[in-house]
Amino acid sequence: IIYIVSIAGAIILGLIIMLSIKGRRKEMGILLSIGEKKWKLMAQFVVEVVCIAILAFGVSITTGAKVSQFIGDNLLSSEIATTSEETDTMRNNSTVMMSGPDG
């Protein structure tokens, strides 16, 4: 499932980048008309994407560990509470069975 999410994320990011480039067509046309080279325009887009990726990676590293720890702790405490309740219920039922219904 991780691979599916990764592939879907890459496709979505690619589409967003394509929309960004499409929206900046006039800017690219003007730069090309004044003599800017195509490879420089491509390099500009690559640098922009890399800068955003580095920023996103940094944010995800710092927040990901804390968020996953919080979620893991909540899941674990919920599981412990459920197990404790089940254990208490089983103990109460076995006590009633051992002593009989009339005590």
C-alpha atoms as a PDB file:
ATOM      1  CA  ILE A   1       0.000   0.000   0.000  1.00  0.00           C
ATOM      2  CA  ILE A   2       2.973   2.307   0.594  1.00  0.00           C
ATOM      3  CA  TYR A   3       3.995   1.909  -3.032  1.00  0.00           C
ATOM      4  CA  ILE A   4       0.512   2.819  -4.244  1.00  0.00           C
ATOM      5  CA  VAL A   5       0.453   5.951  -2.084  1.00  0.00           C
ATOM      6  CA  SER A   6       3.951   6.904  -3.244  1.00  0.00           C
ATOM      7  CA  ILE A   7       3.059   6.472  -6.903  1.00  0.00           C
ATOM      8  CA  ALA A   8      -0.185   8.416  -6.482  1.00  0.00           C
ATOM      9  CA  GLY A   9       1.693  11.198  -4.685  1.00  0.00           C
ATOM     10  CA  ALA A  10       4.295  11.381  -7.436  1.00  0.00           C
ATOM     11  CA  ILE A  11       1.577  11.583 -10.089  1.00  0.00           C
ATOM     12  CA  ILE A  12      -0.245  14.331  -8.204  1.00  0.00           C
ATOM     13  CA  LEU A  13       2.971  16.305  -7.711  1.00  0.00           C
ATOM     14  CA  GLY A  14       3.791  15.917 -11.395  1.00  0.00           C
ATOM     15  CA  LEU A  15       0.380  17.259 -12.361  1.00  0.00           C
ATOM     16  CA  ILE A  16       0.755  20.221 -10.010  1.00  0.00           C
ATOM     17  CA  ILE A  17       4.154  21.031 -11.511  1.00  0.00           C
ATOM     18  CA  MET A  18       2.717  20.787 -15.023  1.00  0.00           C
ATOM     19  CA  LEU A  19      -0.085  23.191 -14.068  1.00  0.00           C
ATOM     20  CA  SER A  20       2.472  25.576 -12.608  1.00  0.00           C
ATOM     21  CA  ILE A  21       4.520  25.494 -15.798  1.00  0.00           C
ATOM     22  CA  LYS A  22       1.421  25.914 -17.940  1.00  0.00           C
ATOM     23  CA  GLY A  23       0.379  28.947 -15.904  1.00  0.00           C
ATOM     24  CA  ARG A  24       3.772  30.557 -16.455  1.00  0.00           C
ATOM     25  CA  ARG A  25       3.768  30.238 -20.237  1.00  0.00           C
ATOM     26  CA  LYS A  26       3.771  33.998 -20.804  1.00  0.00           C
ATOM     27  CA  GLU A  27       6.724  34.435 -18.492  1.00  0.00           C
ATOM     28  CA  MET A  28       8.643  31.716 -20.330  1.00  0.00           C
ATOM     29  CA  GLY A  29       7.712  33.219 -23.707  1.00  0.00           C
ATOM     30  CA  ILE A  30       8.943  36.645 -22.690  1.00  0.00           C
ATOM     31  CA  LEU A  31      12.198  35.251 -21.332  1.00  0.00           C
ATOM     32  CA  LEU A  32      12.754  33.223 -24.508  1.00  0.00           C
ATOM     33  CA  SER A  33      12.002  36.252 -26.696  1.00  0.00           C
ATOM     34  CA  ILE A  34      14.643  38.353 -24.950  1.00  0.00           C
ATOM     35  CA  GLY A  35      17.241  35.657 -25.523  1.00  0.00           C
ATOM     36  CA  GLU A  36      17.127  33.421 -22.475  1.00  0.00           C
ATOM     37  CA  LYS A  37      18.218  29.871 -23.170  1.00  0.00           C
ATOM     38  CA  LYS A  38      15.789  26.959 -22.762  1.00  0.00           C
ATOM     39  CA  TRP A  39      18.129  25.052 -20.480  1.00  0.00           C
ATOM     40  CA  LYS A  40      18.245  28.030 -18.100  1.00  0.00           C
ATOM     41  CA  LEU A  41      14.451  28.049 -17.885  1.00  0.00           C
ATOM     42  CA  MET A  42      14.417  24.329 -17.227  1.00  0.00           C
ATOM     43  CA  ALA A  43      17.143  24.765 -14.606  1.00  0.00           C
ATOM     44  CA  GLN A  44      15.030  27.449 -12.930  1.00  0.00           C
ATOM     45  CA  PHE A  45      12.081  25.066 -12.639  1.00  0.00           C
ATOM     46  CA  VAL A  46      14.302  22.265 -11.361  1.00  0.00           C
ATOM     47  CA  VAL A  47      15.807  24.540  -8.705  1.00  0.00           C
ATOM     48  CA  GLU A  48      12.325  25.651  -7.620  1.00  0.00           C
ATOM     49  CA  VAL A  49      11.122  22.060  -7.323  1.00  0.00           C
ATOM     50  CA  VAL A  50      14.246  20.986  -5.422  1.00  0.00           C
ATOM     51  CA  CYS A  51      13.924  23.899  -2.980  1.00  0.00           C
ATOM     52  CA  ILE A  52      10.294  23.048  -2.295  1.00  0.00           C
ATOM     53  CA  ALA A  53      11.176  19.359  -1.937  1.00  0.00           C
ATOM     54  CA  ILE A  54      13.931  20.124   0.583  1.00  0.00           C
ATOM     55  CA  LEU A  55      11.570  22.313   2.591  1.00  0.00           C
ATOM     56  CA  ALA A  56       8.825  19.669   2.512  1.00  0.00           C
ATOM     57  CA  PHE A  57      11.292  16.939   3.484  1.00  0.00           C
ATOM     58  CA  GLY A  58      12.529  18.984   6.435  1.00  0.00           C
ATOM     59  CA  VAL A  59       9.010  19.679   7.669  1.00  0.00           C
ATOM     60  CA  SER A  60       7.981  16.045   7.273  1.00  0.00           C
ATOM     61  CA  ILE A  61      11.039  14.776   9.145  1.00  0.00           C
ATOM     62  CA  THR A  62      10.499  17.115  12.100  1.00  0.00           C
ATOM     63  CA  THR A  63       6.747  16.660  12.374  1.00  0.00           C
ATOM     64  CA  GLY A  64       6.494  13.048  11.227  1.00  0.00           C
ATOM     65  CA  ALA A  65       8.309  11.584  14.211  1.00  0.00           C
ATOM     66  CA  LYS A  66       6.238  13.554  16.705  1.00  0.00           C
ATOM     67  CA  VAL A  67       2.924  12.816  15.007  1.00  0.00           C
ATOM     68  CA  SER A  68       3.671   9.104  14.653  1.00  0.00           C
ATOM     69  CA  GLN A  69       4.760   8.912  18.305  1.00  0.00           C
ATOM     70  CA  PHE A  70       1.527  10.615  19.396  1.00  0.00           C
ATOM     71  CA  ILE A  71      -0.649   8.331  17.273  1.00  0.00           C
ATOM     72  CA  GLY A  72       1.278   5.239  18.376  1.00  0.00           C
ATOM     73  CA  ASP A  73       0.918   6.161  22.043  1.00  0.00           C
ATOM     74  CA  ASN A  74      -2.827   6.702  21.649  1.00  0.00           C
ATOM     75  CA  LEU A  75      -3.292   3.391  19.847  1.00  0.00           C
ATOM     76  CA  LEU A  76      -1.224   1.538  22.417  1.00  0.00           C
ATOM     77  CA  SER A  77      -3.052   3.044  25.399  1.00  0.00           C
ATOM     78  CA  SER A  78      -6.385   2.224  23.763  1.00  0.00           C
ATOM     79  CA  GLU A  79      -5.287  -1.369  23.201  1.00  0.00           C
ATOM     80  CA  ILE A  80      -4.036  -1.668  26.781  1.00  0.00           C
ATOM     81  CA  ALA A  81      -7.344  -0.328  28.127  1.00  0.00           C
ATOM     82  CA  THR A  82      -9.330  -2.775  25.998  1.00  0.00           C
ATOM     83  CA  THR A  83      -7.160  -5.699  27.071  1.00  0.00           C
ATOM     84  CA  SER A  84      -7.478  -4.707  30.746  1.00  0.00           C
ATOM     85  CA  GLU A  85     -11.259  -4.535  30.457  1.00  0.00           C
ATOM     86  CA  GLU A  86     -11.375  -7.951  28.788  1.00  0.00           C
ATOM     87  CA  THR A  87      -9.106  -9.432  31.462  1.00  0.00           C
ATOM     88  CA  ASP A  88     -11.238  -7.983  34.269  1.00  0.00           C
ATOM     89  CA  THR A  89     -14.392  -9.317  32.630  1.00  0.00           C
ATOM     90  CA  MET A  90     -12.856 -12.782  32.266  1.00  0.00           C
ATOM     91  CA  ARG A  91     -11.723 -12.773  35.916  1.00  0.00           C
ATOM     92  CA  ASN A  92     -15.168 -11.733  37.136  1.00  0.00           C
ATOM     93  CA  ASN A  93     -16.825 -14.430  35.040  1.00  0.00           C
ATOM     94  CA  SER A  94     -14.439 -17.128  36.265  1.00  0.00           C
ATOM     95  CA  THR A  95     -15.006 -16.091  39.902  1.00  0.00           C
ATOM     96  CA  VAL A  96     -18.759 -16.414  39.462  1.00  0.00           C
ATOM     97  CA  MET A  97     -18.336 -19.841  37.835  1.00  0.00           C
ATOM     98  CA  MET A  98     -16.048 -21.139  40.605  1.00  0.00           C
ATOM     99  CA  SER A  99     -18.261 -20.033  43.460  1.00  0.00           C
ATOM    100  CA  GLY A 100     -21.453 -20.997  41.705  1.00  0.00           C
ATOM    101  CA  PRO A 101     -24.520 -18.939  41.058  1.00  0.00           C
ATOM    102  CA  ASP A 102     -25.654 -18.967  44.712  1.00  0.00           C
ATOM    103  CA  GLY A 103     -22.291 -17.980  46.170  1.00  0.00           C
END
